[in-house]
Amino acid sequence: MDRFKSSLREVLLYIKYSKDREELSKLLEDDPRFRKLDVEAAVVIDTVTNSGS
């Protein structure tokens, strides 16, 4: 559970920008924390946004 809490920031940011492809792309490129995203966080992002990430 502690690992998920540390990734909550990334999950919420991805959800926030999921409808704006340009901002989302910029976020993913510029934020190094997305390069180390936990598998559990990626599953949550995929489930909530249906993005296939």
PDB file of N, CA and C in Angstrom:
ATOM      1  N   MET A   1       0.818  -1.198   0.000  1.00  0.00           N
ATOM      2  CA  MET A   1       0.000   0.000   0.000  1.00  0.00           C
ATOM      3  C   MET A   1       0.865   1.266   0.000  1.00  0.00           C
ATOM      4  N   ASP A   2       1.994   1.235   0.634  1.00  0.00           N
ATOM      5  CA  ASP A   2       2.865   2.409   0.676  1.00  0.00           C
ATOM      6  C   ASP A   2       3.355   2.799  -0.717  1.00  0.00           C
ATOM      7  N   ARG A   3       3.630   1.830  -1.558  1.00  0.00           N
ATOM      8  CA  ARG A   3       4.097   2.142  -2.911  1.00  0.00           C
ATOM      9  C   ARG A   3       3.014   2.850  -3.706  1.00  0.00           C
ATOM     10  N   PHE A   4       1.763   2.427  -3.549  1.00  0.00           N
ATOM     11  CA  PHE A   4       0.667   3.069  -4.269  1.00  0.00           C
ATOM     12  C   PHE A   4       0.513   4.515  -3.841  1.00  0.00           C
ATOM     13  N   LYS A   5       0.637   4.768  -2.561  1.00  0.00           N
ATOM     14  CA  LYS A   5       0.507   6.148  -2.077  1.00  0.00           C
ATOM     15  C   LYS A   5       1.546   7.042  -2.733  1.00  0.00           C
ATOM     16  N   SER A   6       2.743   6.529  -2.948  1.00  0.00           N
ATOM     17  CA  SER A   6       3.779   7.354  -3.557  1.00  0.00           C
ATOM     18  C   SER A   6       3.475   7.622  -5.032  1.00  0.00           C
ATOM     19  N   SER A   7       2.671   6.784  -5.659  1.00  0.00           N
ATOM     20  CA  SER A   7       2.326   6.964  -7.063  1.00  0.00           C
ATOM     21  C   SER A   7       0.989   7.670  -7.266  1.00  0.00           C
ATOM     22  N   LEU A   8       0.322   8.000  -6.196  1.00  0.00           N
ATOM     23  CA  LEU A   8      -0.983   8.643  -6.313  1.00  0.00           C
ATOM     24  C   LEU A   8      -0.886   9.952  -7.086  1.00  0.00           C
ATOM     25  N   ARG A   9       0.182  10.677  -6.914  1.00  0.00           N
ATOM     26  CA  ARG A   9       0.397  11.935  -7.638  1.00  0.00           C
ATOM     27  C   ARG A   9       0.356  11.691  -9.143  1.00  0.00           C
ATOM     28  N   GLU A  10       1.084  10.680  -9.603  1.00  0.00           N
ATOM     29  CA  GLU A  10       1.135  10.389 -11.024  1.00  0.00           C
ATOM     30  C   GLU A  10      -0.221   9.912 -11.544  1.00  0.00           C
ATOM     31  N   VAL A  11      -0.904   9.089 -10.779  1.00  0.00           N
ATOM     32  CA  VAL A  11      -2.223   8.616 -11.185  1.00  0.00           C
ATOM     33  C   VAL A  11      -3.166   9.793 -11.375  1.00  0.00           C
ATOM     34  N   LEU A  12      -3.204  10.680 -10.418  1.00  0.00           N
ATOM     35  CA  LEU A  12      -4.116  11.822 -10.501  1.00  0.00           C
ATOM     36  C   LEU A  12      -3.745  12.776 -11.631  1.00  0.00           C
ATOM     37  N   LEU A  13      -2.454  12.998 -11.835  1.00  0.00           N
ATOM     38  CA  LEU A  13      -2.036  13.867 -12.942  1.00  0.00           C
ATOM     39  C   LEU A  13      -2.388  13.257 -14.292  1.00  0.00           C
ATOM     40  N   TYR A  14      -2.188  11.958 -14.432  1.00  0.00           N
ATOM     41  CA  TYR A  14      -2.531  11.309 -15.693  1.00  0.00           C
ATOM     42  C   TYR A  14      -4.021  11.426 -15.963  1.00  0.00           C
ATOM     43  N   ILE A  15      -4.817  11.176 -14.945  1.00  0.00           N
ATOM     44  CA  ILE A  15      -6.271  11.283 -15.094  1.00  0.00           C
ATOM     45  C   ILE A  15      -6.654  12.710 -15.472  1.00  0.00           C
ATOM     46  N   LYS A  16      -6.043  13.670 -14.814  1.00  0.00           N
ATOM     47  CA  LYS A  16      -6.355  15.075 -15.073  1.00  0.00           C
ATOM     48  C   LYS A  16      -6.104  15.448 -16.537  1.00  0.00           C
ATOM     49  N   TYR A  17      -4.999  14.982 -17.097  1.00  0.00           N
ATOM     50  CA  TYR A  17      -4.623  15.372 -18.453  1.00  0.00           C
ATOM     51  C   TYR A  17      -4.970  14.323 -19.511  1.00  0.00           C
ATOM     52  N   SER A  18      -5.699  13.286 -19.142  1.00  0.00           N
ATOM     53  CA  SER A  18      -5.982  12.198 -20.071  1.00  0.00           C
ATOM     54  C   SER A  18      -6.799  12.635 -21.290  1.00  0.00           C
ATOM     55  N   LYS A  19      -7.554  13.689 -21.188  1.00  0.00           N
ATOM     56  CA  LYS A  19      -8.358  14.181 -22.317  1.00  0.00           C
ATOM     57  C   LYS A  19      -7.605  15.189 -23.189  1.00  0.00           C
ATOM     58  N   ASP A  20      -6.478  15.690 -22.697  1.00  0.00           N
ATOM     59  CA  ASP A  20      -5.679  16.672 -23.424  1.00  0.00           C
ATOM     60  C   ASP A  20      -4.367  16.007 -23.848  1.00  0.00           C
ATOM     61  N   ARG A  21      -4.357  15.455 -25.041  1.00  0.00           N
ATOM     62  CA  ARG A  21      -3.205  14.669 -25.517  1.00  0.00           C
ATOM     63  C   ARG A  21      -1.901  15.467 -25.529  1.00  0.00           C
ATOM     64  N   GLU A  22      -1.964  16.729 -25.871  1.00  0.00           N
ATOM     65  CA  GLU A  22      -0.754  17.552 -25.926  1.00  0.00           C
ATOM     66  C   GLU A  22      -0.163  17.743 -24.528  1.00  0.00           C
ATOM     67  N   GLU A  23      -0.992  18.111 -23.576  1.00  0.00           N
ATOM     68  CA  GLU A  23      -0.520  18.296 -22.194  1.00  0.00           C
ATOM     69  C   GLU A  23      -0.064  16.968 -21.581  1.00  0.00           C
ATOM     70  N   LEU A  24      -0.779  15.897 -21.892  1.00  0.00           N
ATOM     71  CA  LEU A  24      -0.408  14.586 -21.368  1.00  0.00           C
ATOM     72  C   LEU A  24       0.955  14.166 -21.906  1.00  0.00           C
ATOM     73  N   SER A  25       1.170  14.365 -23.176  1.00  0.00           N
ATOM     74  CA  SER A  25       2.457  14.025 -23.777  1.00  0.00           C
ATOM     75  C   SER A  25       3.586  14.818 -23.148  1.00  0.00           C
ATOM     76  N   LYS A  26       3.345  16.092 -22.946  1.00  0.00           N
ATOM     77  CA  LYS A  26       4.351  16.959 -22.310  1.00  0.00           C
ATOM     78  C   LYS A  26       4.640  16.484 -20.889  1.00  0.00           C
ATOM     79  N   LEU A  27       3.598  16.140 -20.146  1.00  0.00           N
ATOM     80  CA  LEU A  27       3.750  15.652 -18.780  1.00  0.00           C
ATOM     81  C   LEU A  27       4.583  14.373 -18.755  1.00  0.00           C
ATOM     82  N   LEU A  28       4.267  13.441 -19.626  1.00  0.00           N
ATOM     83  CA  LEU A  28       4.976  12.163 -19.653  1.00  0.00           C
ATOM     84  C   LEU A  28       6.439  12.321 -20.048  1.00  0.00           C
ATOM     85  N   GLU A  29       6.725  13.262 -20.913  1.00  0.00           N
ATOM     86  CA  GLU A  29       8.100  13.504 -21.340  1.00  0.00           C
ATOM     87  C   GLU A  29       8.912  14.255 -20.294  1.00  0.00           C
ATOM     88  N   ASP A  30       8.284  15.211 -19.613  1.00  0.00           N
ATOM     89  CA  ASP A  30       9.017  16.099 -18.716  1.00  0.00           C
ATOM     90  C   ASP A  30       9.122  15.616 -17.273  1.00  0.00           C
ATOM     91  N   ASP A  31       8.233  14.735 -16.850  1.00  0.00           N
ATOM     92  CA  ASP A  31       8.213  14.315 -15.444  1.00  0.00           C
ATOM     93  C   ASP A  31       8.906  12.959 -15.294  1.00  0.00           C
ATOM     94  N   PRO A  32      10.090  12.938 -14.695  1.00  0.00           N
ATOM     95  CA  PRO A  32      10.842  11.684 -14.574  1.00  0.00           C
ATOM     96  C   PRO A  32      10.155  10.631 -13.702  1.00  0.00           C
ATOM     97  N   ARG A  33       9.221  11.037 -12.872  1.00  0.00           N
ATOM     98  CA  ARG A  33       8.535  10.068 -12.020  1.00  0.00           C
ATOM     99  C   ARG A  33       7.646   9.124 -12.828  1.00  0.00           C
ATOM    100  N   PHE A  34       7.252   9.540 -14.030  1.00  0.00           N
ATOM    101  CA  PHE A  34       6.446   8.663 -14.873  1.00  0.00           C
ATOM    102  C   PHE A  34       7.286   7.546 -15.482  1.00  0.00           C
ATOM    103  N   ARG A  35       8.587   7.733 -15.565  1.00  0.00           N
ATOM    104  CA  ARG A  35       9.469   6.689 -16.105  1.00  0.00           C
ATOM    105  C   ARG A  35       9.626   5.529 -15.132  1.00  0.00           C
ATOM    106  N   LYS A  36       9.345   5.779 -13.858  1.00  0.00           N
ATOM    107  CA  LYS A  36       9.493   4.756 -12.820  1.00  0.00           C
ATOM    108  C   LYS A  36       8.144   4.394 -12.209  1.00  0.00           C
ATOM    109  N   LEU A  37       7.102   4.506 -12.971  1.00  0.00           N
ATOM    110  CA  LEU A  37       5.756   4.272 -12.479  1.00  0.00           C
ATOM    111  C   LEU A  37       5.574   2.817 -12.066  1.00  0.00           C
ATOM    112  N   ASP A  38       4.998   2.606 -10.886  1.00  0.00           N
ATOM    113  CA  ASP A  38       4.719   1.263 -10.394  1.00  0.00           C
ATOM    114  C   ASP A  38       3.682   0.579 -11.269  1.00  0.00           C
ATOM    115  N   VAL A  39       3.789  -0.720 -11.363  1.00  0.00           N
ATOM    116  CA  VAL A  39       2.838  -1.499 -12.156  1.00  0.00           C
ATOM    117  C   VAL A  39       1.424  -1.297 -11.633  1.00  0.00           C
ATOM    118  N   GLU A  40       1.277  -1.261 -10.314  1.00  0.00           N
ATOM    119  CA  GLU A  40      -0.046  -1.081  -9.726  1.00  0.00           C
ATOM    120  C   GLU A  40      -0.653   0.255 -10.137  1.00  0.00           C
ATOM    121  N   ALA A  41       0.154   1.286 -10.183  1.00  0.00           N
ATOM    122  CA  ALA A  41      -0.329   2.603 -10.587  1.00  0.00           C
ATOM    123  C   ALA A  41      -0.724   2.599 -12.063  1.00  0.00           C
ATOM    124  N   ALA A  42       0.051   1.917 -12.888  1.00  0.00           N
ATOM    125  CA  ALA A  42      -0.276   1.824 -14.308  1.00  0.00           C
ATOM    126  C   ALA A  42      -1.600   1.090 -14.525  1.00  0.00           C
ATOM    127  N   VAL A  43      -1.852   0.079 -13.711  1.00  0.00           N
ATOM    128  CA  VAL A  43      -3.112  -0.656 -13.806  1.00  0.00           C
ATOM    129  C   VAL A  43      -4.281   0.248 -13.428  1.00  0.00           C
ATOM    130  N   VAL A  44      -4.110   1.051 -12.391  1.00  0.00           N
ATOM    131  CA  VAL A  44      -5.164   1.981 -11.978  1.00  0.00           C
ATOM    132  C   VAL A  44      -5.426   2.995 -13.093  1.00  0.00           C
ATOM    133  N   ILE A  45      -4.363   3.551 -13.659  1.00  0.00           N
ATOM    134  CA  ILE A  45      -4.505   4.515 -14.748  1.00  0.00           C
ATOM    135  C   ILE A  45      -5.253   3.889 -15.918  1.00  0.00           C
ATOM    136  N   ASP A  46      -4.860   2.687 -16.295  1.00  0.00           N
ATOM    137  CA  ASP A  46      -5.511   2.015 -17.415  1.00  0.00           C
ATOM    138  C   ASP A  46      -6.977   1.744 -17.122  1.00  0.00           C
ATOM    139  N   THR A  47      -7.279   1.325 -15.922  1.00  0.00           N
ATOM    140  CA  THR A  47      -8.662   1.008 -15.548  1.00  0.00           C
ATOM    141  C   THR A  47      -9.527   2.257 -15.550  1.00  0.00           C
ATOM    142  N   VAL A  48      -9.031   3.336 -15.002  1.00  0.00           N
ATOM    143  CA  VAL A  48      -9.823   4.555 -14.873  1.00  0.00           C
ATOM    144  C   VAL A  48      -9.968   5.276 -16.214  1.00  0.00           C
ATOM    145  N   THR A  49      -8.903   5.311 -16.998  1.00  0.00           N
ATOM    146  CA  THR A  49      -8.928   6.094 -18.239  1.00  0.00           C
ATOM    147  C   THR A  49      -9.153   5.247 -19.486  1.00  0.00           C
ATOM    148  N   ASN A  50      -9.069   3.932 -19.344  1.00  0.00           N
ATOM    149  CA  ASN A  50      -9.194   3.019 -20.479  1.00  0.00           C
ATOM    150  C   ASN A  50      -8.240   3.410 -21.598  1.00  0.00           C
ATOM    151  N   SER A  51      -7.009   3.734 -21.203  1.00  0.00           N
ATOM    152  CA  SER A  51      -6.020   4.247 -22.151  1.00  0.00           C
ATOM    153  C   SER A  51      -5.083   3.211 -22.710  1.00  0.00           C
ATOM    154  N   GLY A  52      -5.056   2.029 -22.143  1.00  0.00           N
ATOM    155  CA  GLY A  52      -4.145   1.004 -22.637  1.00  0.00           C
ATOM    156  C   GLY A  52      -2.701   1.290 -22.318  1.00  0.00           C
ATOM    157  N   SER A  53      -2.443   2.033 -21.209  1.00  0.00           N
ATOM    158  CA  SER A  53      -1.071   2.391 -20.858  1.00  0.00           C
ATOM    159  C   SER A  53      -0.333   1.298 -20.164  1.00  0.00           C
TER     160      SER A  53
END
